[in-house]
């Protein structure tokens, strides 16, 4: 039960981050008035809003140690960054879940071959 709660909490955190990061309530959706096809609809985001969202995402990554500033970088540039190797280890993905997934793939492949 604890693993289910961890997975549910992680999924909820990701959804909340996406909603907060991209602020869907402020994005104005304006369909093309000439044609009603869904492929012609566009999401109208201004240049300022796009830069603000990009800067927010970069700062979030800096704050959560997903990217680091370069060693000689004295300024507050958000676009100059390195990926730290420490974010790869330890893996946040549970080992038991990885083994279960690998075993599930083997079983699925065996079922596919026998049918």
PDB file of N, CA and C in Angstrom:
ATOM      1  N   UNK A   1       0.820  -1.198   0.000  1.00  0.00           N
ATOM      2  CA  UNK A   1       0.000   0.000   0.000  1.00  0.00           C
ATOM      3  C   UNK A   1       0.863   1.259   0.000  1.00  0.00           C
ATOM      4  N   UNK A   2       2.019   1.192   0.656  1.00  0.00           N
ATOM      5  CA  UNK A   2       2.896   2.363   0.700  1.00  0.00           C
ATOM      6  C   UNK A   2       3.459   2.682  -0.678  1.00  0.00           C
ATOM      7  N   UNK A   3       3.750   1.656  -1.486  1.00  0.00           N
ATOM      8  CA  UNK A   3       4.269   1.897  -2.829  1.00  0.00           C
ATOM      9  C   UNK A   3       3.215   2.567  -3.695  1.00  0.00           C
ATOM     10  N   UNK A   4       1.963   2.163  -3.530  1.00  0.00           N
ATOM     11  CA  UNK A   4       0.884   2.794  -4.297  1.00  0.00           C
ATOM     12  C   UNK A   4       0.755   4.257  -3.914  1.00  0.00           C
ATOM     13  N   UNK A   5       0.830   4.556  -2.640  1.00  0.00           N
ATOM     14  CA  UNK A   5       0.736   5.945  -2.203  1.00  0.00           C
ATOM     15  C   UNK A   5       1.911   6.767  -2.716  1.00  0.00           C
ATOM     16  N   UNK A   6       3.103   6.186  -2.760  1.00  0.00           N
ATOM     17  CA  UNK A   6       4.265   6.891  -3.287  1.00  0.00           C
ATOM     18  C   UNK A   6       4.077   7.185  -4.768  1.00  0.00           C
ATOM     19  N   UNK A   7       3.600   6.202  -5.520  1.00  0.00           N
ATOM     20  CA  UNK A   7       3.385   6.401  -6.959  1.00  0.00           C
ATOM     21  C   UNK A   7       2.289   7.435  -7.190  1.00  0.00           C
ATOM     22  N   UNK A   8       1.225   7.348  -6.427  1.00  0.00           N
ATOM     23  CA  UNK A   8       0.131   8.309  -6.573  1.00  0.00           C
ATOM     24  C   UNK A   8       0.598   9.712  -6.202  1.00  0.00           C
ATOM     25  N   UNK A   9       1.369   9.828  -5.145  1.00  0.00           N
ATOM     26  CA  UNK A   9       1.888  11.131  -4.740  1.00  0.00           C
ATOM     27  C   UNK A   9       2.833  11.712  -5.768  1.00  0.00           C
ATOM     28  N   UNK A  10       3.663  10.857  -6.360  1.00  0.00           N
ATOM     29  CA  UNK A  10       4.583  11.326  -7.401  1.00  0.00           C
ATOM     30  C   UNK A  10       3.827  11.810  -8.624  1.00  0.00           C
ATOM     31  N   UNK A  11       2.803  11.053  -9.029  1.00  0.00           N
ATOM     32  CA  UNK A  11       2.006  11.458 -10.190  1.00  0.00           C
ATOM     33  C   UNK A  11       1.278  12.765  -9.910  1.00  0.00           C
ATOM     34  N   UNK A  12       0.749  12.910  -8.721  1.00  0.00           N
ATOM     35  CA  UNK A  12       0.052  14.142  -8.356  1.00  0.00           C
ATOM     36  C   UNK A  12       1.014  15.325  -8.355  1.00  0.00           C
ATOM     37  N   UNK A  13       2.219  15.124  -7.874  1.00  0.00           N
ATOM     38  CA  UNK A  13       3.223  16.186  -7.860  1.00  0.00           C
ATOM     39  C   UNK A  13       3.581  16.622  -9.275  1.00  0.00           C
ATOM     40  N   UNK A  14       3.726  15.671 -10.184  1.00  0.00           N
ATOM     41  CA  UNK A  14       4.046  16.004 -11.579  1.00  0.00           C
ATOM     42  C   UNK A  14       2.914  16.798 -12.209  1.00  0.00           C
ATOM     43  N   UNK A  15       1.671  16.379 -11.982  1.00  0.00           N
ATOM     44  CA  UNK A  15       0.520  17.098 -12.546  1.00  0.00           C
ATOM     45  C   UNK A  15       0.453  18.513 -11.992  1.00  0.00           C
ATOM     46  N   UNK A  16       0.645  18.671 -10.703  1.00  0.00           N
ATOM     47  CA  UNK A  16       0.610  20.005 -10.108  1.00  0.00           C
ATOM     48  C   UNK A  16       1.740  20.878 -10.632  1.00  0.00           C
ATOM     49  N   UNK A  17       2.917  20.301 -10.835  1.00  0.00           N
ATOM     50  CA  UNK A  17       4.032  21.073 -11.377  1.00  0.00           C
ATOM     51  C   UNK A  17       3.717  21.568 -12.781  1.00  0.00           C
ATOM     52  N   UNK A  18       3.157  20.695 -13.611  1.00  0.00           N
ATOM     53  CA  UNK A  18       2.835  21.091 -14.984  1.00  0.00           C
ATOM     54  C   UNK A  18       1.798  22.198 -14.984  1.00  0.00           C
ATOM     55  N   UNK A  19       0.787  22.077 -14.142  1.00  0.00           N
ATOM     56  CA  UNK A  19      -0.251  23.113 -14.079  1.00  0.00           C
ATOM     57  C   UNK A  19       0.335  24.433 -13.600  1.00  0.00           C
ATOM     58  N   UNK A  20       1.162  24.391 -12.567  1.00  0.00           N
ATOM     59  CA  UNK A  20       1.753  25.626 -12.044  1.00  0.00           C
ATOM     60  C   UNK A  20       2.787  26.212 -12.994  1.00  0.00           C
ATOM     61  N   UNK A  21       3.567  25.356 -13.624  1.00  0.00           N
ATOM     62  CA  UNK A  21       4.650  25.830 -14.477  1.00  0.00           C
ATOM     63  C   UNK A  21       4.130  26.505 -15.731  1.00  0.00           C
ATOM     64  N   UNK A  22       3.153  25.900 -16.355  1.00  0.00           N
ATOM     65  CA  UNK A  22       2.688  26.422 -17.627  1.00  0.00           C
ATOM     66  C   UNK A  22       1.453  27.302 -17.496  1.00  0.00           C
ATOM     67  N   UNK A  23       0.866  27.350 -16.311  1.00  0.00           N
ATOM     68  CA  UNK A  23      -0.230  28.267 -16.011  1.00  0.00           C
ATOM     69  C   UNK A  23      -1.280  28.256 -17.121  1.00  0.00           C
ATOM     70  N   UNK A  24      -1.959  27.111 -17.253  1.00  0.00           N
ATOM     71  CA  UNK A  24      -2.906  26.916 -18.340  1.00  0.00           C
ATOM     72  C   UNK A  24      -4.062  27.903 -18.306  1.00  0.00           C
ATOM     73  N   UNK A  25      -4.377  28.440 -17.163  1.00  0.00           N
ATOM     74  CA  UNK A  25      -5.504  29.366 -17.068  1.00  0.00           C
ATOM     75  C   UNK A  25      -5.231  30.670 -17.807  1.00  0.00           C
ATOM     76  N   UNK A  26      -3.975  31.076 -17.919  1.00  0.00           N
ATOM     77  CA  UNK A  26      -3.649  32.334 -18.573  1.00  0.00           C
ATOM     78  C   UNK A  26      -3.458  32.201 -20.080  1.00  0.00           C
ATOM     79  N   UNK A  27      -3.263  30.986 -20.570  1.00  0.00           N
ATOM     80  CA  UNK A  27      -3.046  30.804 -22.004  1.00  0.00           C
ATOM     81  C   UNK A  27      -4.370  30.981 -22.738  1.00  0.00           C
ATOM     82  N   UNK A  28      -4.388  31.881 -23.700  1.00  0.00           N
ATOM     83  CA  UNK A  28      -5.621  32.127 -24.446  1.00  0.00           C
ATOM     84  C   UNK A  28      -5.619  31.277 -25.694  1.00  0.00           C
ATOM     85  N   UNK A  29      -6.655  30.497 -25.849  1.00  0.00           N
ATOM     86  CA  UNK A  29      -6.780  29.614 -26.995  1.00  0.00           C
ATOM     87  C   UNK A  29      -7.661  30.299 -28.020  1.00  0.00           C
ATOM     88  N   UNK A  30      -7.083  30.616 -29.174  1.00  0.00           N
ATOM     89  CA  UNK A  30      -7.822  31.313 -30.216  1.00  0.00           C
ATOM     90  C   UNK A  30      -7.824  30.475 -31.482  1.00  0.00           C
ATOM     91  N   UNK A  31      -8.970  29.864 -31.803  1.00  0.00           N
ATOM     92  CA  UNK A  31      -9.016  29.071 -33.030  1.00  0.00           C
ATOM     93  C   UNK A  31      -8.967  29.965 -34.264  1.00  0.00           C
ATOM     94  N   UNK A  32      -8.519  29.400 -35.342  1.00  0.00           N
ATOM     95  CA  UNK A  32      -8.468  30.108 -36.609  1.00  0.00           C
ATOM     96  C   UNK A  32      -9.899  30.352 -37.088  1.00  0.00           C
ATOM     97  N   UNK A  33     -10.268  31.585 -37.383  1.00  0.00           N
ATOM     98  CA  UNK A  33     -11.644  31.911 -37.756  1.00  0.00           C
ATOM     99  C   UNK A  33     -11.970  31.507 -39.190  1.00  0.00           C
ATOM    100  N   UNK A  34     -10.972  31.357 -40.063  1.00  0.00           N
ATOM    101  CA  UNK A  34     -11.220  31.005 -41.454  1.00  0.00           C
ATOM    102  C   UNK A  34     -11.577  29.538 -41.626  1.00  0.00           C
ATOM    103  N   UNK A  35     -11.016  28.686 -40.830  1.00  0.00           N
ATOM    104  CA  UNK A  35     -11.210  27.251 -40.984  1.00  0.00           C
ATOM    105  C   UNK A  35     -11.477  26.648 -39.614  1.00  0.00           C
ATOM    106  N   UNK A  36     -12.435  25.730 -39.517  1.00  0.00           N
ATOM    107  CA  UNK A  36     -12.806  25.147 -38.234  1.00  0.00           C
ATOM    108  C   UNK A  36     -12.090  23.831 -37.958  1.00  0.00           C
ATOM    109  N   UNK A  37     -11.164  23.428 -38.809  1.00  0.00           N
ATOM    110  CA  UNK A  37     -10.431  22.185 -38.576  1.00  0.00           C
ATOM    111  C   UNK A  37      -9.576  22.310 -37.327  1.00  0.00           C
ATOM    112  N   UNK A  38      -9.470  21.220 -36.586  1.00  0.00           N
ATOM    113  CA  UNK A  38      -8.679  21.231 -35.351  1.00  0.00           C
ATOM    114  C   UNK A  38      -7.193  21.431 -35.636  1.00  0.00           C
ATOM    115  N   UNK A  39      -6.732  21.013 -36.815  1.00  0.00           N
ATOM    116  CA  UNK A  39      -5.310  21.142 -37.113  1.00  0.00           C
ATOM    117  C   UNK A  39      -4.883  22.590 -37.308  1.00  0.00           C
ATOM    118  N   UNK A  40      -5.832  23.483 -37.578  1.00  0.00           N
ATOM    119  CA  UNK A  40      -5.503  24.881 -37.805  1.00  0.00           C
ATOM    120  C   UNK A  40      -5.610  25.731 -36.547  1.00  0.00           C
ATOM    121  N   UNK A  41      -6.025  25.125 -35.432  1.00  0.00           N
ATOM    122  CA  UNK A  41      -6.132  25.885 -34.194  1.00  0.00           C
ATOM    123  C   UNK A  41      -4.739  26.118 -33.628  1.00  0.00           C
ATOM    124  N   UNK A  42      -4.535  27.285 -33.068  1.00  0.00           N
ATOM    125  CA  UNK A  42      -3.234  27.623 -32.501  1.00  0.00           C
ATOM    126  C   UNK A  42      -3.390  28.078 -31.065  1.00  0.00           C
ATOM    127  N   UNK A  43      -2.338  27.958 -30.318  1.00  0.00           N
ATOM    128  CA  UNK A  43      -2.293  28.444 -28.949  1.00  0.00           C
ATOM    129  C   UNK A  43      -1.525  29.751 -28.977  1.00  0.00           C
ATOM    130  N   UNK A  44      -2.224  30.835 -28.728  1.00  0.00           N
ATOM    131  CA  UNK A  44      -1.608  32.157 -28.828  1.00  0.00           C
ATOM    132  C   UNK A  44      -0.926  32.506 -27.512  1.00  0.00           C
ATOM    133  N   UNK A  45       0.397  32.488 -27.526  1.00  0.00           N
ATOM    134  CA  UNK A  45       1.189  32.881 -26.364  1.00  0.00           C
ATOM    135  C   UNK A  45       2.132  33.976 -26.834  1.00  0.00           C
ATOM    136  N   UNK A  46       2.132  35.052 -26.109  1.00  0.00           N
ATOM    137  CA  UNK A  46       2.997  36.159 -26.477  1.00  0.00           C
ATOM    138  C   UNK A  46       4.464  35.852 -26.225  1.00  0.00           C
ATOM    139  N   UNK A  47       5.325  36.645 -26.828  1.00  0.00           N
ATOM    140  CA  UNK A  47       6.773  36.461 -26.686  1.00  0.00           C
ATOM    141  C   UNK A  47       7.202  36.619 -25.224  1.00  0.00           C
ATOM    142  N   UNK A  48       6.621  37.593 -24.535  1.00  0.00           N
ATOM    143  CA  UNK A  48       6.958  37.814 -23.127  1.00  0.00           C
ATOM    144  C   UNK A  48       6.554  36.610 -22.280  1.00  0.00           C
ATOM    145  N   UNK A  49       5.351  36.082 -22.506  1.00  0.00           N
ATOM    146  CA  UNK A  49       4.864  34.938 -21.737  1.00  0.00           C
ATOM    147  C   UNK A  49       5.734  33.705 -21.999  1.00  0.00           C
ATOM    148  N   UNK A  50       6.144  33.516 -23.234  1.00  0.00           N
ATOM    149  CA  UNK A  50       6.994  32.383 -23.577  1.00  0.00           C
ATOM    150  C   UNK A  50       8.355  32.486 -22.883  1.00  0.00           C
ATOM    151  N   UNK A  51       8.956  33.673 -22.873  1.00  0.00           N
ATOM    152  CA  UNK A  51      10.238  33.864 -22.185  1.00  0.00           C
ATOM    153  C   UNK A  51      10.094  33.679 -20.681  1.00  0.00           C
ATOM    154  N   UNK A  52       8.977  34.143 -20.125  1.00  0.00           N
ATOM    155  CA  UNK A  52       8.734  33.993 -18.693  1.00  0.00           C
ATOM    156  C   UNK A  52       8.606  32.515 -18.315  1.00  0.00           C
ATOM    157  N   UNK A  53       7.894  31.738 -19.133  1.00  0.00           N
ATOM    158  CA  UNK A  53       7.743  30.310 -18.862  1.00  0.00           C
ATOM    159  C   UNK A  53       9.079  29.584 -18.971  1.00  0.00           C
ATOM    160  N   UNK A  54       9.886  29.945 -19.972  1.00  0.00           N
ATOM    161  CA  UNK A  54      11.195  29.313 -20.141  1.00  0.00           C
ATOM    162  C   UNK A  54      12.104  29.639 -18.961  1.00  0.00           C
ATOM    163  N   UNK A  55      12.105  30.889 -18.517  1.00  0.00           N
ATOM    164  CA  UNK A  55      12.938  31.284 -17.379  1.00  0.00           C
ATOM    165  C   UNK A  55      12.484  30.582 -16.103  1.00  0.00           C
ATOM    166  N   UNK A  56      11.173  30.430 -15.927  1.00  0.00           N
ATOM    167  CA  UNK A  56      10.647  29.727 -14.757  1.00  0.00           C
ATOM    168  C   UNK A  56      11.099  28.267 -14.763  1.00  0.00           C
ATOM    169  N   UNK A  57      11.042  27.614 -15.925  1.00  0.00           N
ATOM    170  CA  UNK A  57      11.457  26.215 -16.017  1.00  0.00           C
ATOM    171  C   UNK A  57      12.954  26.066 -15.727  1.00  0.00           C
ATOM    172  N   UNK A  58      13.757  26.986 -16.234  1.00  0.00           N
ATOM    173  CA  UNK A  58      15.204  26.936 -15.991  1.00  0.00           C
ATOM    174  C   UNK A  58      15.502  27.141 -14.510  1.00  0.00           C
ATOM    175  N   UNK A  59      14.854  28.108 -13.887  1.00  0.00           N
ATOM    176  CA  UNK A  59      15.079  28.354 -12.459  1.00  0.00           C
ATOM    177  C   UNK A  59      14.610  27.180 -11.614  1.00  0.00           C
ATOM    178  N   UNK A  60      13.502  26.540 -12.004  1.00  0.00           N
ATOM    179  CA  UNK A  60      13.022  25.370 -11.273  1.00  0.00           C
ATOM    180  C   UNK A  60      14.070  24.263 -11.336  1.00  0.00           C
ATOM    181  N   UNK A  61      14.661  24.055 -12.502  1.00  0.00           N
ATOM    182  CA  UNK A  61      15.698  23.029 -12.649  1.00  0.00           C
ATOM    183  C   UNK A  61      16.932  23.370 -11.816  1.00  0.00           C
ATOM    184  N   UNK A  62      17.299  24.655 -11.758  1.00  0.00           N
ATOM    185  CA  UNK A  62      18.424  25.070 -10.905  1.00  0.00           C
ATOM    186  C   UNK A  62      18.108  24.793  -9.440  1.00  0.00           C
ATOM    187  N   UNK A  63      16.915  25.124  -9.005  1.00  0.00           N
ATOM    188  CA  UNK A  63      16.543  24.956  -7.600  1.00  0.00           C
ATOM    189  C   UNK A  63      16.460  23.496  -7.186  1.00  0.00           C
ATOM    190  N   UNK A  64      16.156  22.604  -8.119  1.00  0.00           N
ATOM    191  CA  UNK A  64      16.029  21.185  -7.805  1.00  0.00           C
ATOM    192  C   UNK A  64      17.243  20.371  -8.243  1.00  0.00           C
ATOM    193  N   UNK A  65      18.342  21.048  -8.525  1.00  0.00           N
ATOM    194  CA  UNK A  65      19.639  20.429  -8.849  1.00  0.00           C
ATOM    195  C   UNK A  65      19.584  19.541 -10.081  1.00  0.00           C
ATOM    196  N   UNK A  66      18.729  19.853 -11.030  1.00  0.00           N
ATOM    197  CA  UNK A  66      18.725  19.126 -12.291  1.00  0.00           C
ATOM    198  C   UNK A  66      19.752  19.709 -13.252  1.00  0.00           C
ATOM    199  N   UNK A  67      20.051  20.992 -13.101  1.00  0.00           N
ATOM    200  CA  UNK A  67      21.122  21.631 -13.854  1.00  0.00           C
ATOM    201  C   UNK A  67      21.902  22.520 -12.890  1.00  0.00           C
ATOM    202  N   UNK A  68      23.159  22.747 -13.206  1.00  0.00           N
ATOM    203  CA  UNK A  68      24.017  23.578 -12.361  1.00  0.00           C
ATOM    204  C   UNK A  68      24.656  24.663 -13.207  1.00  0.00           C
ATOM    205  N   UNK A  69      25.007  25.757 -12.570  1.00  0.00           N
ATOM    206  CA  UNK A  69      25.710  26.826 -13.273  1.00  0.00           C
ATOM    207  C   UNK A  69      27.159  26.407 -13.515  1.00  0.00           C
ATOM    208  N   UNK A  70      27.744  26.947 -14.570  1.00  0.00           N
ATOM    209  CA  UNK A  70      29.132  26.622 -14.879  1.00  0.00           C
ATOM    210  C   UNK A  70      30.058  27.199 -13.820  1.00  0.00           C
ATOM    211  N   UNK A  71      31.254  26.638 -13.721  1.00  0.00           N
ATOM    212  CA  UNK A  71      32.187  27.010 -12.657  1.00  0.00           C
ATOM    213  C   UNK A  71      32.586  28.473 -12.713  1.00  0.00           C
ATOM    214  N   UNK A  72      32.878  29.021 -13.867  1.00  0.00           N
ATOM    215  CA  UNK A  72      33.337  30.400 -13.975  1.00  0.00           C
ATOM    216  C   UNK A  72      32.227  31.404 -14.215  1.00  0.00           C
ATOM    217  N   UNK A  73      30.971  30.992 -14.143  1.00  0.00           N
ATOM    218  CA  UNK A  73      29.852  31.878 -14.446  1.00  0.00           C
ATOM    219  C   UNK A  73      29.574  32.797 -13.258  1.00  0.00           C
ATOM    220  N   UNK A  74      29.891  34.080 -13.406  1.00  0.00           N
ATOM    221  CA  UNK A  74      29.689  35.043 -12.320  1.00  0.00           C
ATOM    222  C   UNK A  74      28.301  35.677 -12.373  1.00  0.00           C
ATOM    223  N   UNK A  75      27.725  35.758 -13.558  1.00  0.00           N
ATOM    224  CA  UNK A  75      26.432  36.408 -13.709  1.00  0.00           C
ATOM    225  C   UNK A  75      25.279  35.502 -13.315  1.00  0.00           C
ATOM    226  N   UNK A  76      24.104  36.016 -13.488  1.00  0.00           N
ATOM    227  CA  UNK A  76      22.901  35.266 -13.162  1.00  0.00           C
ATOM    228  C   UNK A  76      22.237  34.791 -14.452  1.00  0.00           C
ATOM    229  N   UNK A  77      23.037  34.204 -15.333  1.00  0.00           N
ATOM    230  CA  UNK A  77      22.502  33.714 -16.597  1.00  0.00           C
ATOM    231  C   UNK A  77      21.854  32.358 -16.378  1.00  0.00           C
ATOM    232  N   UNK A  78      20.604  32.236 -16.776  1.00  0.00           N
ATOM    233  CA  UNK A  78      19.915  30.968 -16.615  1.00  0.00           C
ATOM    234  C   UNK A  78      20.142  30.014 -17.764  1.00  0.00           C
ATOM    235  N   UNK A  79      20.642  30.522 -18.901  1.00  0.00           N
ATOM    236  CA  UNK A  79      20.792  29.656 -20.064  1.00  0.00           C
ATOM    237  C   UNK A  79      22.125  28.919 -20.092  1.00  0.00           C
ATOM    238  N   UNK A  80      23.083  29.304 -19.271  1.00  0.00           N
ATOM    239  CA  UNK A  80      24.375  28.626 -19.218  1.00  0.00           C
ATOM    240  C   UNK A  80      24.334  27.620 -18.080  1.00  0.00           C
ATOM    241  N   UNK A  81      24.233  26.338 -18.422  1.00  0.00           N
ATOM    242  CA  UNK A  81      24.066  25.332 -17.384  1.00  0.00           C
ATOM    243  C   UNK A  81      24.733  24.028 -17.794  1.00  0.00           C
ATOM    244  N   UNK A  82      25.035  23.218 -16.798  1.00  0.00           N
ATOM    245  CA  UNK A  82      25.572  21.881 -16.988  1.00  0.00           C
ATOM    246  C   UNK A  82      24.643  20.893 -16.304  1.00  0.00           C
ATOM    247  N   UNK A  83      24.606  19.673 -16.820  1.00  0.00           N
ATOM    248  CA  UNK A  83      23.821  18.625 -16.180  1.00  0.00           C
ATOM    249  C   UNK A  83      24.709  17.901 -15.184  1.00  0.00           C
ATOM    250  N   UNK A  84      24.377  17.938 -13.900  1.00  0.00           N
ATOM    251  CA  UNK A  84      25.219  17.263 -12.911  1.00  0.00           C
ATOM    252  C   UNK A  84      25.001  15.753 -12.954  1.00  0.00           C
ATOM    253  N   UNK A  85      26.062  14.960 -12.849  1.00  0.00           N
ATOM    254  CA  UNK A  85      25.894  13.507 -12.882  1.00  0.00           C
ATOM    255  C   UNK A  85      25.217  12.959 -11.636  1.00  0.00           C
ATOM    256  N   UNK A  86      25.151  13.746 -10.567  1.00  0.00           N
ATOM    257  CA  UNK A  86      24.551  13.247  -9.339  1.00  0.00           C
ATOM    258  C   UNK A  86      23.043  13.087  -9.446  1.00  0.00           C
ATOM    259  N   UNK A  87      22.406  13.656 -10.457  1.00  0.00           N
ATOM    260  CA  UNK A  87      20.964  13.474 -10.591  1.00  0.00           C
ATOM    261  C   UNK A  87      20.626  12.095 -11.122  1.00  0.00           C
ATOM    262  N   UNK A  88      21.610  11.353 -11.614  1.00  0.00           N
ATOM    263  CA  UNK A  88      21.346  10.026 -12.142  1.00  0.00           C
ATOM    264  C   UNK A  88      21.343   8.959 -11.052  1.00  0.00           C
ATOM    265  N   UNK A  89      22.050   9.207  -9.964  1.00  0.00           N
ATOM    266  CA  UNK A  89      22.173   8.210  -8.914  1.00  0.00           C
ATOM    267  C   UNK A  89      21.849   8.825  -7.569  1.00  0.00           C
ATOM    268  N   UNK A  90      21.193   8.209  -6.690  1.00  0.00           N
ATOM    269  CA  UNK A  90      20.506   6.941  -6.883  1.00  0.00           C
ATOM    270  C   UNK A  90      19.230   7.142  -7.692  1.00  0.00           C
ATOM    271  N   UNK A  91      18.820   6.108  -8.352  1.00  0.00           N
ATOM    272  CA  UNK A  91      17.634   6.192  -9.194  1.00  0.00           C
ATOM    273  C   UNK A  91      16.389   6.306  -8.325  1.00  0.00           C
ATOM    274  N   UNK A  92      15.500   7.230  -8.631  1.00  0.00           N
ATOM    275  CA  UNK A  92      14.265   7.334  -7.856  1.00  0.00           C
ATOM    276  C   UNK A  92      13.278   6.228  -8.211  1.00  0.00           C
ATOM    277  N   UNK A  93      13.582   5.453  -9.248  1.00  0.00           N
ATOM    278  CA  UNK A  93      12.703   4.369  -9.670  1.00  0.00           C
ATOM    279  C   UNK A  93      12.993   3.140  -8.820  1.00  0.00           C
ATOM    280  N   UNK A  94      11.997   2.580  -8.125  1.00  0.00           N
ATOM    281  CA  UNK A  94      12.239   1.446  -7.229  1.00  0.00           C
ATOM    282  C   UNK A  94      12.746   0.209  -7.982  1.00  0.00           C
ATOM    283  N   UNK A  95      13.711  -0.465  -7.406  1.00  0.00           N
ATOM    284  CA  UNK A  95      14.300  -1.647  -8.032  1.00  0.00           C
ATOM    285  C   UNK A  95      13.265  -2.756  -8.208  1.00  0.00           C
ATOM    286  N   UNK A  96      12.383  -2.932  -7.215  1.00  0.00           N
ATOM    287  CA  UNK A  96      11.359  -3.970  -7.315  1.00  0.00           C
ATOM    288  C   UNK A  96      10.414  -3.709  -8.485  1.00  0.00           C
ATOM    289  N   UNK A  97      10.066  -2.458  -8.699  1.00  0.00           N
ATOM    290  CA  UNK A  97       9.176  -2.120  -9.808  1.00  0.00           C
ATOM    291  C   UNK A  97       9.859  -2.373 -11.144  1.00  0.00           C
ATOM    292  N   UNK A  98      11.155  -2.103 -11.221  1.00  0.00           N
ATOM    293  CA  UNK A  98      11.896  -2.350 -12.459  1.00  0.00           C
ATOM    294  C   UNK A  98      11.956  -3.847 -12.753  1.00  0.00           C
ATOM    295  N   UNK A  99      12.221  -4.663 -11.729  1.00  0.00           N
ATOM    296  CA  UNK A  99      12.244  -6.114 -11.917  1.00  0.00           C
ATOM    297  C   UNK A  99      10.869  -6.632 -12.321  1.00  0.00           C
ATOM    298  N   UNK A 100       9.813  -6.103 -11.688  1.00  0.00           N
ATOM    299  CA  UNK A 100       8.452  -6.515 -12.023  1.00  0.00           C
ATOM    300  C   UNK A 100       8.131  -6.169 -13.471  1.00  0.00           C
ATOM    301  N   UNK A 101       8.540  -4.985 -13.917  1.00  0.00           N
ATOM    302  CA  UNK A 101       8.287  -4.568 -15.295  1.00  0.00           C
ATOM    303  C   UNK A 101       9.039  -5.460 -16.280  1.00  0.00           C
ATOM    304  N   UNK A 102      10.283  -5.795 -15.972  1.00  0.00           N
ATOM    305  CA  UNK A 102      11.062  -6.667 -16.854  1.00  0.00           C
ATOM    306  C   UNK A 102      10.411  -8.043 -16.951  1.00  0.00           C
ATOM    307  N   UNK A 103       9.946  -8.556 -15.825  1.00  0.00           N
ATOM    308  CA  UNK A 103       9.275  -9.867 -15.818  1.00  0.00           C
ATOM    309  C   UNK A 103       7.957  -9.785 -16.583  1.00  0.00           C
ATOM    310  N   UNK A 104       7.232  -8.704 -16.453  1.00  0.00           N
ATOM    311  CA  UNK A 104       5.970  -8.526 -17.172  1.00  0.00           C
ATOM    312  C   UNK A 104       6.201  -8.503 -18.675  1.00  0.00           C
ATOM    313  N   UNK A 105       7.288  -7.869 -19.112  1.00  0.00           N
ATOM    314  CA  UNK A 105       7.603  -7.847 -20.543  1.00  0.00           C
ATOM    315  C   UNK A 105       7.910  -9.247 -21.056  1.00  0.00           C
ATOM    316  N   UNK A 106       8.616 -10.058 -20.261  1.00  0.00           N
ATOM    317  CA  UNK A 106       8.906 -11.434 -20.662  1.00  0.00           C
ATOM    318  C   UNK A 106       7.616 -12.235 -20.805  1.00  0.00           C
ATOM    319  N   UNK A 107       6.710 -12.077 -19.858  1.00  0.00           N
ATOM    320  CA  UNK A 107       5.438 -12.800 -19.899  1.00  0.00           C
ATOM    321  C   UNK A 107       4.611 -12.350 -21.095  1.00  0.00           C
ATOM    322  N   UNK A 108       4.569 -11.056 -21.361  1.00  0.00           N
ATOM    323  CA  UNK A 108       3.826 -10.547 -22.515  1.00  0.00           C
ATOM    324  C   UNK A 108       4.392 -11.093 -23.819  1.00  0.00           C
ATOM    325  N   UNK A 109       5.716 -11.160 -23.908  1.00  0.00           N
ATOM    326  CA  UNK A 109       6.340 -11.685 -25.123  1.00  0.00           C
ATOM    327  C   UNK A 109       6.026 -13.166 -25.291  1.00  0.00           C
ATOM    328  N   UNK A 110       6.027 -13.930 -24.198  1.00  0.00           N
ATOM    329  CA  UNK A 110       5.691 -15.351 -24.276  1.00  0.00           C
ATOM    330  C   UNK A 110       4.243 -15.540 -24.705  1.00  0.00           C
ATOM    331  N   UNK A 111       3.339 -14.723 -24.178  1.00  0.00           N
ATOM    332  CA  UNK A 111       1.930 -14.805 -24.577  1.00  0.00           C
ATOM    333  C   UNK A 111       1.777 -14.478 -26.053  1.00  0.00           C
ATOM    334  N   UNK A 112       2.515 -13.478 -26.516  1.00  0.00           N
ATOM    335  CA  UNK A 112       2.420 -13.074 -27.916  1.00  0.00           C
ATOM    336  C   UNK A 112       2.921 -14.179 -28.839  1.00  0.00           C
ATOM    337  N   UNK A 113       4.000 -14.850 -28.445  1.00  0.00           N
ATOM    338  CA  UNK A 113       4.561 -15.922 -29.276  1.00  0.00           C
ATOM    339  C   UNK A 113       3.672 -17.158 -29.303  1.00  0.00           C
ATOM    340  N   UNK A 114       2.958 -17.448 -28.215  1.00  0.00           N
ATOM    341  CA  UNK A 114       2.114 -18.643 -28.172  1.00  0.00           C
ATOM    342  C   UNK A 114       0.778 -18.430 -28.864  1.00  0.00           C
ATOM    343  N   UNK A 115       0.353 -17.208 -29.051  1.00  0.00           N
ATOM    344  CA  UNK A 115      -0.949 -16.965 -29.710  1.00  0.00           C
ATOM    345  C   UNK A 115      -0.842 -16.944 -31.178  1.00  0.00           C
TER     346      UNK A 115
END
